[in-house]
C-alpha atoms as a PDB file:
ATOM      1  CA  MET A   1      -2.532  15.134  10.501  1.00  0.00           C
ATOM      2  CA  LYS A   2       0.185  13.685   8.456  1.00  0.00           C
ATOM      3  CA  LEU A   3       2.340  11.261  10.696  1.00  0.00           C
ATOM      4  CA  ALA A   4       5.703  10.508   8.926  1.00  0.00           C
ATOM      5  CA  ARG A   5       9.011   8.658   9.512  1.00  0.00           C
ATOM      6  CA  ALA A   6      12.105   9.717   7.929  1.00  0.00           C
ATOM      7  CA  ARG A   7      15.777   8.586   7.884  1.00  0.00           C
ATOM      8  CA  THR A   8      18.113  11.722   8.938  1.00  0.00           C
ATOM      9  CA  PRO A   9      21.692  12.611  10.161  1.00  0.00           C
ATOM     10  CA  ASP A  10      20.209  11.623  13.608  1.00  0.00           C
ATOM     11  CA  GLY A  11      18.471   8.320  12.750  1.00  0.00           C
ATOM     12  CA  VAL A  12      14.745   7.483  11.866  1.00  0.00           C
ATOM     13  CA  VAL A  13      12.598   9.634  13.504  1.00  0.00           C
ATOM     14  CA  THR A  14       9.052  10.370  13.658  1.00  0.00           C
ATOM     15  CA  GLY A  15       6.781  13.391  13.647  1.00  0.00           C
ATOM     16  CA  GLU A  16       4.152  15.514  12.029  1.00  0.00           C
ATOM     17  CA  TYR A  17       4.619  16.173   8.195  1.00  0.00           C
ATOM     18  CA  ALA A  18       3.475  19.438   6.525  1.00  0.00           C
ATOM     19  CA  ASP A  19       4.672  21.412   3.741  1.00  0.00           C
ATOM     20  CA  GLY A  20       7.794  19.397   3.031  1.00  0.00           C
ATOM     21  CA  THR A  21       8.900  19.752   6.737  1.00  0.00           C
ATOM     22  CA  LEU A  22       8.890  16.885   9.254  1.00  0.00           C
ATOM     23  CA  GLU A  23       8.327  18.320  13.012  1.00  0.00           C
ATOM     24  CA  THR A  24       9.515  16.064  15.826  1.00  0.00           C
ATOM     25  CA  ASP A  25       9.877  16.397  19.504  1.00  0.00           C
ATOM     26  CA  ASP A  26      13.722  17.114  18.936  1.00  0.00           C
ATOM     27  CA  GLY A  27      13.562  19.597  16.137  1.00  0.00           C
ATOM     28  CA  SER A  28      12.721  19.971  12.339  1.00  0.00           C
ATOM     29  CA  TYR A  29      13.811  18.525   9.252  1.00  0.00           C
ATOM     30  CA  ALA A  30      13.429  19.494   5.468  1.00  0.00           C
ATOM     31  CA  VAL A  31      12.251  16.383   3.816  1.00  0.00           C
ATOM     32  CA  GLY A  32      14.246  15.951   0.360  1.00  0.00           C
ATOM     33  CA  ASP A  33      17.353  17.898   2.181  1.00  0.00           C
ATOM     34  CA  ASP A  34      18.285  16.815   5.294  1.00  0.00           C
ATOM     35  CA  ALA A  35      15.721  13.759   5.757  1.00  0.00           C
ATOM     36  CA  THR A  36      14.510  11.007   3.587  1.00  0.00           C
ATOM     37  CA  LEU A  37      10.702   9.607   4.043  1.00  0.00           C
ATOM     38  CA  VAL A  38      10.832   5.993   4.655  1.00  0.00           C
ATOM     39  CA  ALA A  39       7.658   3.453   5.199  1.00  0.00           C
ATOM     40  CA  PRO A  40       5.526   5.296   7.915  1.00  0.00           C
ATOM     41  CA  CYS A  41       5.080   2.206  10.234  1.00  0.00           C
ATOM     42  CA  GLU A  42       6.771  -1.011  11.264  1.00  0.00           C
ATOM     43  CA  PRO A  43       4.401  -3.809  10.838  1.00  0.00           C
ATOM     44  CA  SER A  44       4.871  -7.409  12.277  1.00  0.00           C
ATOM     45  CA  ALA A  45       2.569  -8.318   9.364  1.00  0.00           C
ATOM     46  CA  LEU A  46       0.698  -6.763   6.378  1.00  0.00           C
ATOM     47  CA  TYR A  47      -3.083  -8.300   6.406  1.00  0.00           C
ATOM     48  CA  CYS A  48      -4.253  -7.919   2.684  1.00  0.00           C
ATOM     49  CA  VAL A  49      -7.704  -8.280   1.370  1.00  0.00           C
ATOM     50  CA  GLY A  50      -8.109  -9.416  -2.070  1.00  0.00           C
ATOM     51  CA  ARG A  51     -10.908  -9.638  -4.541  1.00  0.00           C
ATOM     52  CA  ASN A  52     -12.684  -6.915  -2.515  1.00  0.00           C
ATOM     53  CA  TYR A  53     -14.043  -4.688  -5.741  1.00  0.00           C
ATOM     54  CA  ALA A  54     -16.778  -6.445  -8.021  1.00  0.00           C
ATOM     55  CA  ALA A  55     -15.215  -5.276 -11.136  1.00  0.00           C
ATOM     56  CA  THR A  56     -11.805  -6.743 -10.305  1.00  0.00           C
ATOM     57  CA  LEU A  57     -14.026 -10.062  -9.818  1.00  0.00           C
ATOM     58  CA  ASP A  58     -15.464  -9.523 -13.270  1.00  0.00           C
ATOM     59  CA  GLN A  59     -11.815  -8.796 -14.865  1.00  0.00           C
ATOM     60  CA  MET A  60     -10.198 -11.806 -13.266  1.00  0.00           C
ATOM     61  CA  ASP A  61     -13.146 -14.147 -13.430  1.00  0.00           C
ATOM     62  CA  TYR A  62     -13.022 -14.787  -9.753  1.00  0.00           C
ATOM     63  CA  GLU A  63     -16.240 -15.626  -7.772  1.00  0.00           C
ATOM     64  CA  ARG A  64     -17.599 -13.405  -4.998  1.00  0.00           C
ATOM     65  CA  PRO A  65     -16.302 -14.329  -1.762  1.00  0.00           C
ATOM     66  CA  GLU A  66     -18.642 -14.750   1.215  1.00  0.00           C
ATOM     67  CA  GLU A  67     -16.035 -13.278   3.643  1.00  0.00           C
ATOM     68  CA  PRO A  68     -13.112 -11.462   3.366  1.00  0.00           C
ATOM     69  CA  ASP A  69     -10.307 -13.219   1.285  1.00  0.00           C
ATOM     70  CA  PHE A  70      -7.057 -12.233   2.826  1.00  0.00           C
ATOM     71  CA  PHE A  71      -3.360 -13.182   2.720  1.00  0.00           C
ATOM     72  CA  ILE A  72      -0.197 -11.913   4.490  1.00  0.00           C
ATOM     73  CA  LYS A  73       2.832 -10.003   3.784  1.00  0.00           C
ATOM     74  CA  PRO A  74       5.791 -10.335   5.967  1.00  0.00           C
ATOM     75  CA  PRO A  75       7.830  -7.134   7.020  1.00  0.00           C
ATOM     76  CA  ALA A  76      10.460  -7.775   4.547  1.00  0.00           C
ATOM     77  CA  SER A  77       8.057  -6.879   1.932  1.00  0.00           C
ATOM     78  CA  VAL A  78       7.942  -3.064   3.166  1.00  0.00           C
ATOM     79  CA  ILE A  79       9.586  -0.447   1.356  1.00  0.00           C
ATOM     80  CA  GLY A  80       8.881   3.081   1.760  1.00  0.00           C
ATOM     81  CA  PRO A  81       8.023   6.084  -0.736  1.00  0.00           C
ATOM     82  CA  ASN A  82      10.610   6.640  -3.733  1.00  0.00           C
ATOM     83  CA  ALA A  83      12.309   3.587  -2.911  1.00  0.00           C
ATOM     84  CA  PRO A  84      12.830   1.271  -6.008  1.00  0.00           C
ATOM     85  CA  ILE A  85      10.722  -1.779  -6.423  1.00  0.00           C
ATOM     86  CA  PRO A  86      12.929  -4.492  -6.929  1.00  0.00           C
ATOM     87  CA  TYR A  87      12.092  -6.553  -9.807  1.00  0.00           C
ATOM     88  CA  PRO A  88      12.422 -10.254  -8.788  1.00  0.00           C
ATOM     89  CA  THR A  89      14.711 -12.412 -10.787  1.00  0.00           C
ATOM     90  CA  PHE A  90      12.716 -15.175 -10.618  1.00  0.00           C
ATOM     91  CA  SER A  91       9.424 -13.692 -12.413  1.00  0.00           C
ATOM     92  CA  ASP A  92       8.690 -12.306 -15.825  1.00  0.00           C
ATOM     93  CA  GLU A  93       4.993 -11.065 -14.910  1.00  0.00           C
ATOM     94  CA  VAL A  94       5.081  -8.497 -12.006  1.00  0.00           C
ATOM     95  CA  THR A  95       2.124  -6.497 -11.496  1.00  0.00           C
ATOM     96  CA  TYR A  96       0.924  -3.312  -9.111  1.00  0.00           C
ATOM     97  CA  ALA A  97      -2.232  -2.630  -7.454  1.00  0.00           C
ATOM     98  CA  GLY A  98      -3.045   0.509  -5.734  1.00  0.00           C
ATOM     99  CA  GLU A  99      -4.533  -0.050  -2.134  1.00  0.00           C
ATOM    100  CA  LEU A 100      -5.837   2.178   0.665  1.00  0.00           C
ATOM    101  CA  ALA A 101      -4.519   0.511   3.835  1.00  0.00           C
ATOM    102  CA  ALA A 102      -5.353   1.053   7.558  1.00  0.00           C
ATOM    103  CA  VAL A 103      -2.438   1.096  10.508  1.00  0.00           C
ATOM    104  CA  ILE A 104      -3.241   0.020  13.689  1.00  0.00           C
ATOM    105  CA  GLY A 105      -2.572   2.129  16.650  1.00  0.00           C
ATOM    106  CA  THR A 106      -2.967  -0.181  19.672  1.00  0.00           C
ATOM    107  CA  THR A 107      -2.928  -3.956  20.526  1.00  0.00           C
ATOM    108  CA  CYS A 108      -6.497  -5.181  19.566  1.00  0.00           C
ATOM    109  CA  ARG A 109      -8.419  -8.496  19.424  1.00  0.00           C
ATOM    110  CA  ASP A 110     -12.083  -9.266  18.753  1.00  0.00           C
ATOM    111  CA  VAL A 111     -12.968  -5.537  17.867  1.00  0.00           C
ATOM    112  CA  ALA A 112     -16.652  -4.725  16.925  1.00  0.00           C
ATOM    113  CA  PRO A 113     -17.277  -2.913  13.740  1.00  0.00           C
ATOM    114  CA  ALA A 114     -18.364  -0.024  15.589  1.00  0.00           C
ATOM    115  CA  ASP A 115     -15.192   0.212  17.721  1.00  0.00           C
ATOM    116  CA  VAL A 116     -12.823  -0.009  14.816  1.00  0.00           C
ATOM    117  CA  PRO A 117     -11.989   3.788  14.475  1.00  0.00           C
ATOM    118  CA  ALA A 118     -10.760   3.424  17.956  1.00  0.00           C
ATOM    119  CA  VAL A 119      -8.024   1.168  17.130  1.00  0.00           C
ATOM    120  CA  VAL A 120      -6.989   2.731  13.913  1.00  0.00           C
ATOM    121  CA  ARG A 121      -4.043   5.065  13.805  1.00  0.00           C
ATOM    122  CA  GLY A 122      -4.889   6.427  10.408  1.00  0.00           C
ATOM    123  CA  TYR A 123      -4.749   5.282   6.863  1.00  0.00           C
ATOM    124  CA  THR A 124      -1.805   5.081   4.091  1.00  0.00           C
ATOM    125  CA  ILE A 125      -1.411   3.494   0.585  1.00  0.00           C
ATOM    126  CA  MET A 126       0.232   0.013  -0.202  1.00  0.00           C
ATOM    127  CA  ASN A 127       1.274  -1.225  -3.497  1.00  0.00           C
ATOM    128  CA  ASP A 128       0.428  -4.665  -3.488  1.00  0.00           C
ATOM    129  CA  VAL A 129       3.161  -5.945  -6.192  1.00  0.00           C
ATOM    130  CA  ASP A 130       2.693  -9.393  -7.531  1.00  0.00           C
ATOM    131  CA  ALA A 131       4.675 -11.729  -9.084  1.00  0.00           C
ATOM    132  CA  LEU A 132       1.975 -13.259 -10.881  1.00  0.00           C
ATOM    133  CA  ASP A 133       3.586 -16.153 -12.635  1.00  0.00           C
ATOM    134  CA  GLN A 134       4.488 -17.967  -9.520  1.00  0.00           C
ATOM    135  CA  PRO A 135       2.469 -20.849  -7.818  1.00  0.00           C
ATOM    136  CA  GLY A 136       0.533 -19.683  -4.870  1.00  0.00           C
ATOM    137  CA  ARG A 137      -0.204 -16.530  -3.035  1.00  0.00           C
ATOM    138  CA  THR A 138       2.998 -16.571  -0.637  1.00  0.00           C
ATOM    139  CA  ALA A 139       5.211 -17.092  -3.487  1.00  0.00           C
ATOM    140  CA  ARG A 140       3.541 -14.334  -5.512  1.00  0.00           C
ATOM    141  CA  LYS A 141       3.114 -11.503  -2.857  1.00  0.00           C
ATOM    142  CA  ALA A 142       5.442 -12.235   0.097  1.00  0.00           C
ATOM    143  CA  PHE A 143       8.673 -11.361  -1.428  1.00  0.00           C
ATOM    144  CA  ASP A 144      11.381  -8.497  -0.569  1.00  0.00           C
ATOM    145  CA  GLY A 145      10.032  -5.232  -1.610  1.00  0.00           C
ATOM    146  CA  SER A 146       6.755  -6.211  -2.706  1.00  0.00           C
ATOM    147  CA  GLY A 147       4.818  -3.908  -0.272  1.00  0.00           C
ATOM    148  CA  PRO A 148       5.546  -0.335  -0.980  1.00  0.00           C
ATOM    149  CA  LEU A 149       4.070   1.795   1.758  1.00  0.00           C
ATOM    150  CA  GLY A 150       3.390   5.263   2.278  1.00  0.00           C
ATOM    151  CA  PRO A 151       3.931   8.084   1.862  1.00  0.00           C
ATOM    152  CA  TRP A 152       2.510   8.935   5.405  1.00  0.00           C
ATOM    153  CA  ILE A 153      -0.393   8.098   7.698  1.00  0.00           C
ATOM    154  CA  GLU A 154      -3.375  10.424   7.656  1.00  0.00           C
ATOM    155  CA  THR A 155      -5.065  10.531  10.834  1.00  0.00           C
ATOM    156  CA  ASP A 156      -7.871  12.254   9.975  1.00  0.00           C
ATOM    157  CA  LEU A 157      -9.840  10.498   7.292  1.00  0.00           C
ATOM    158  CA  ASP A 158     -13.387   9.056   6.614  1.00  0.00           C
ATOM    159  CA  PRO A 159     -12.299   5.797   4.248  1.00  0.00           C
ATOM    160  CA  SER A 160     -15.790   5.608   2.635  1.00  0.00           C
ATOM    161  CA  GLY A 161     -16.447   7.157  -0.764  1.00  0.00           C
ATOM    162  CA  ILE A 162     -12.828   8.378  -1.597  1.00  0.00           C
ATOM    163  CA  ASP A 163     -11.229   8.580  -5.073  1.00  0.00           C
ATOM    164  CA  MET A 164      -8.370   6.669  -6.354  1.00  0.00           C
ATOM    165  CA  ARG A 165      -5.942   6.525  -9.288  1.00  0.00           C
ATOM    166  CA  THR A 166      -2.949   4.928 -10.115  1.00  0.00           C
ATOM    167  CA  VAL A 167      -0.464   6.341 -12.730  1.00  0.00           C
ATOM    168  CA  ILE A 168       2.350   4.346 -14.686  1.00  0.00           C
ATOM    169  CA  ASP A 169       4.836   6.810 -16.417  1.00  0.00           C
ATOM    170  CA  GLY A 170       1.952   9.479 -16.988  1.00  0.00           C
ATOM    171  CA  GLU A 171      -0.664   6.870 -18.086  1.00  0.00           C
ATOM    172  CA  GLU A 172      -3.779   6.201 -15.756  1.00  0.00           C
ATOM    173  CA  ARG A 173      -4.292   2.811 -15.210  1.00  0.00           C
ATOM    174  CA  GLN A 174      -6.753   2.653 -12.509  1.00  0.00           C
ATOM    175  CA  ARG A 175      -9.643   5.120 -11.542  1.00  0.00           C
ATOM    176  CA  SER A 176     -12.340   4.040  -8.664  1.00  0.00           C
ATOM    177  CA  ASN A 177     -14.018   4.823  -5.366  1.00  0.00           C
ATOM    178  CA  THR A 178     -13.571   2.969  -1.941  1.00  0.00           C
ATOM    179  CA  GLU A 179     -17.578   2.919  -1.893  1.00  0.00           C
ATOM    180  CA  LEU A 180     -17.126   0.083  -4.752  1.00  0.00           C
ATOM    181  CA  MET A 181     -15.538  -2.078  -1.870  1.00  0.00           C
ATOM    182  CA  LEU A 182     -17.649  -5.188  -1.497  1.00  0.00           C
ATOM    183  CA  PHE A 183     -16.403  -5.227   2.282  1.00  0.00           C
ATOM    184  CA  GLU A 184     -15.843  -1.735   4.089  1.00  0.00           C
ATOM    185  CA  PRO A 185     -12.693  -1.068   6.194  1.00  0.00           C
ATOM    186  CA  ARG A 186     -14.478  -1.603   9.397  1.00  0.00           C
ATOM    187  CA  GLU A 187     -15.940  -4.837   8.328  1.00  0.00           C
ATOM    188  CA  VAL A 188     -12.423  -5.924   7.331  1.00  0.00           C
ATOM    189  CA  ILE A 189     -10.826  -4.939  10.547  1.00  0.00           C
ATOM    190  CA  ALA A 190     -13.230  -6.585  12.654  1.00  0.00           C
ATOM    191  CA  PHE A 191     -13.141 -10.008  10.695  1.00  0.00           C
ATOM    192  CA  LEU A 192      -9.306 -10.069  11.002  1.00  0.00           C
ATOM    193  CA  THR A 193      -9.420  -9.653  14.731  1.00  0.00           C
ATOM    194  CA  GLU A 194     -11.667 -12.569  15.260  1.00  0.00           C
ATOM    195  CA  ARG A 195      -8.619 -14.726  14.140  1.00  0.00           C
ATOM    196  CA  PHE A 196      -5.671 -12.409  14.655  1.00  0.00           C
ATOM    197  CA  THR A 197      -3.995 -10.098  17.472  1.00  0.00           C
ATOM    198  CA  LEU A 198      -3.358  -6.772  15.768  1.00  0.00           C
ATOM    199  CA  ARG A 199      -0.203  -4.709  17.010  1.00  0.00           C
ATOM    200  CA  PRO A 200       0.632  -1.221  16.832  1.00  0.00           C
ATOM    201  CA  GLY A 201       1.842  -0.634  13.371  1.00  0.00           C
ATOM    202  CA  ASP A 202       0.392  -3.457  11.651  1.00  0.00           C
ATOM    203  CA  VAL A 203      -0.890  -2.675   8.263  1.00  0.00           C
ATOM    204  CA  VAL A 204      -4.527  -4.013   6.917  1.00  0.00           C
ATOM    205  CA  ALA A 205      -5.027  -3.109   3.072  1.00  0.00           C
ATOM    206  CA  PHE A 206      -8.120  -3.213   1.489  1.00  0.00           C
ATOM    207  CA  GLY A 207      -7.684  -4.619  -1.801  1.00  0.00           C
ATOM    208  CA  SER A 208      -7.142  -3.456  -5.472  1.00  0.00           C
ATOM    209  CA  PRO A 209      -9.921  -1.755  -7.992  1.00  0.00           C
ATOM    210  CA  ALA A 210     -10.028  -3.185 -11.426  1.00  0.00           C
ATOM    211  CA  ASN A 211      -7.136  -2.816 -13.702  1.00  0.00           C
ATOM    212  CA  PRO A 212      -3.980  -3.929 -11.979  1.00  0.00           C
ATOM    213  CA  GLY A 213      -1.347  -4.557 -14.489  1.00  0.00           C
ATOM    214  CA  LEU A 214       2.233  -5.164 -15.568  1.00  0.00           C
ATOM    215  CA  ILE A 215       4.989  -3.146 -14.342  1.00  0.00           C
ATOM    216  CA  GLU A 216       8.509  -3.184 -16.100  1.00  0.00           C
ATOM    217  CA  PRO A 217      12.151  -1.840 -14.768  1.00  0.00           C
ATOM    218  CA  GLY A 218      12.370   1.733 -15.333  1.00  0.00           C
ATOM    219  CA  ASP A 219       8.444   2.343 -15.029  1.00  0.00           C
ATOM    220  CA  GLU A 220       7.522   4.944 -12.255  1.00  0.00           C
ATOM    221  CA  VAL A 221       4.262   3.849 -10.350  1.00  0.00           C
ATOM    222  CA  SER A 222       2.264   6.715  -8.752  1.00  0.00           C
ATOM    223  CA  ILE A 223      -0.706   5.829  -6.720  1.00  0.00           C
ATOM    224  CA  THR A 224      -3.151   8.465  -5.210  1.00  0.00           C
ATOM    225  CA  TYR A 225      -6.022   8.140  -2.381  1.00  0.00           C
ATOM    226  CA  GLU A 226      -8.165  11.605  -2.026  1.00  0.00           C
ATOM    227  CA  GLY A 227      -7.218  12.711   1.387  1.00  0.00           C
ATOM    228  CA  VAL A 228      -4.360  10.664   2.001  1.00  0.00           C
ATOM    229  CA  GLY A 229      -1.689  11.615  -0.465  1.00  0.00           C
ATOM    230  CA  THR A 230       0.465  10.059  -3.375  1.00  0.00           C
ATOM    231  CA  LEU A 231       2.797   6.681  -2.950  1.00  0.00           C
ATOM    232  CA  THR A 232       5.444   6.903  -5.720  1.00  0.00           C
ATOM    233  CA  ASN A 233       8.170   4.308  -6.596  1.00  0.00           C
ATOM    234  CA  GLY A 234      10.116   3.361  -9.442  1.00  0.00           C
ATOM    235  CA  VAL A 235      10.852  -0.187 -10.458  1.00  0.00           C
ATOM    236  CA  ALA A 236      14.456  -1.417 -10.684  1.00  0.00           C
ATOM    237  CA  GLU A 237      16.341  -3.617 -12.832  1.00  0.00           C
ATOM    238  CA  PRO A 238      16.120  -7.443 -11.983  1.00  0.00           C
ATOM    239  CA  GLY A 239      18.970  -8.049  -9.394  1.00  0.00           C
ATOM    240  CA  SER A 240      19.420  -4.681  -8.551  1.00  0.00           C
ATOM    241  CA  ASP A 241      20.288  -3.665  -4.835  1.00  0.00           C
ATOM    242  CA  ARG A 242      17.580  -1.834  -3.087  1.00  0.00           C
ATOM    243  CA  ASP A 243      17.660   0.764  -0.563  1.00  0.00           C
ATOM    244  CA  ASP A 244      14.588   1.511   1.664  1.00  0.00           C
END
């Protein structure tokens, strides 16, 4: 089942998405006509794992981490599907990274790996936009619009062994499979719950395969994870207003 949120004449509504229609408790909405998809959840934080694919370590000349290496994006980083990614005025080197992400379904702490499926609402896609020329991870990754998220939450998904690809303006830039993760999703979420109380709607992203690369204003970025869907966002001109 695909759970989605959309902006409608009745406000932002949540329901089940299928074949272009969002079914809610109060009615149906045609996405693209009387509804526009927005980010599928409202996280209090996005917990993002880096350096989680061996090929990425080789490409970026990173050392292999002994435990999940993570950082946090704030709620202000979130934009929804098809919303323009704001190209930051303070950077000249902005990159994309196509990542699978879990959405937490219940408040949880100290969850064992075997129990992780019970606290996960489902899976979505995140683009970890990075102002690579800025000093430190927070400056690079925590700015407004740096966390495109969507298009919905797929509740019926085994995240192991699924294919992914990232396409920029029709050119494939990333292709991989989640079986190549160094730390698999259950392990990552269990690790994080030793340190943080996760809340409903919080997001855990599992890192990018090799070949994250530069984006420029005017580009269109499409990230597909098998069994989830495709997250697409254009890249706005520096200083452009954004509407998520």
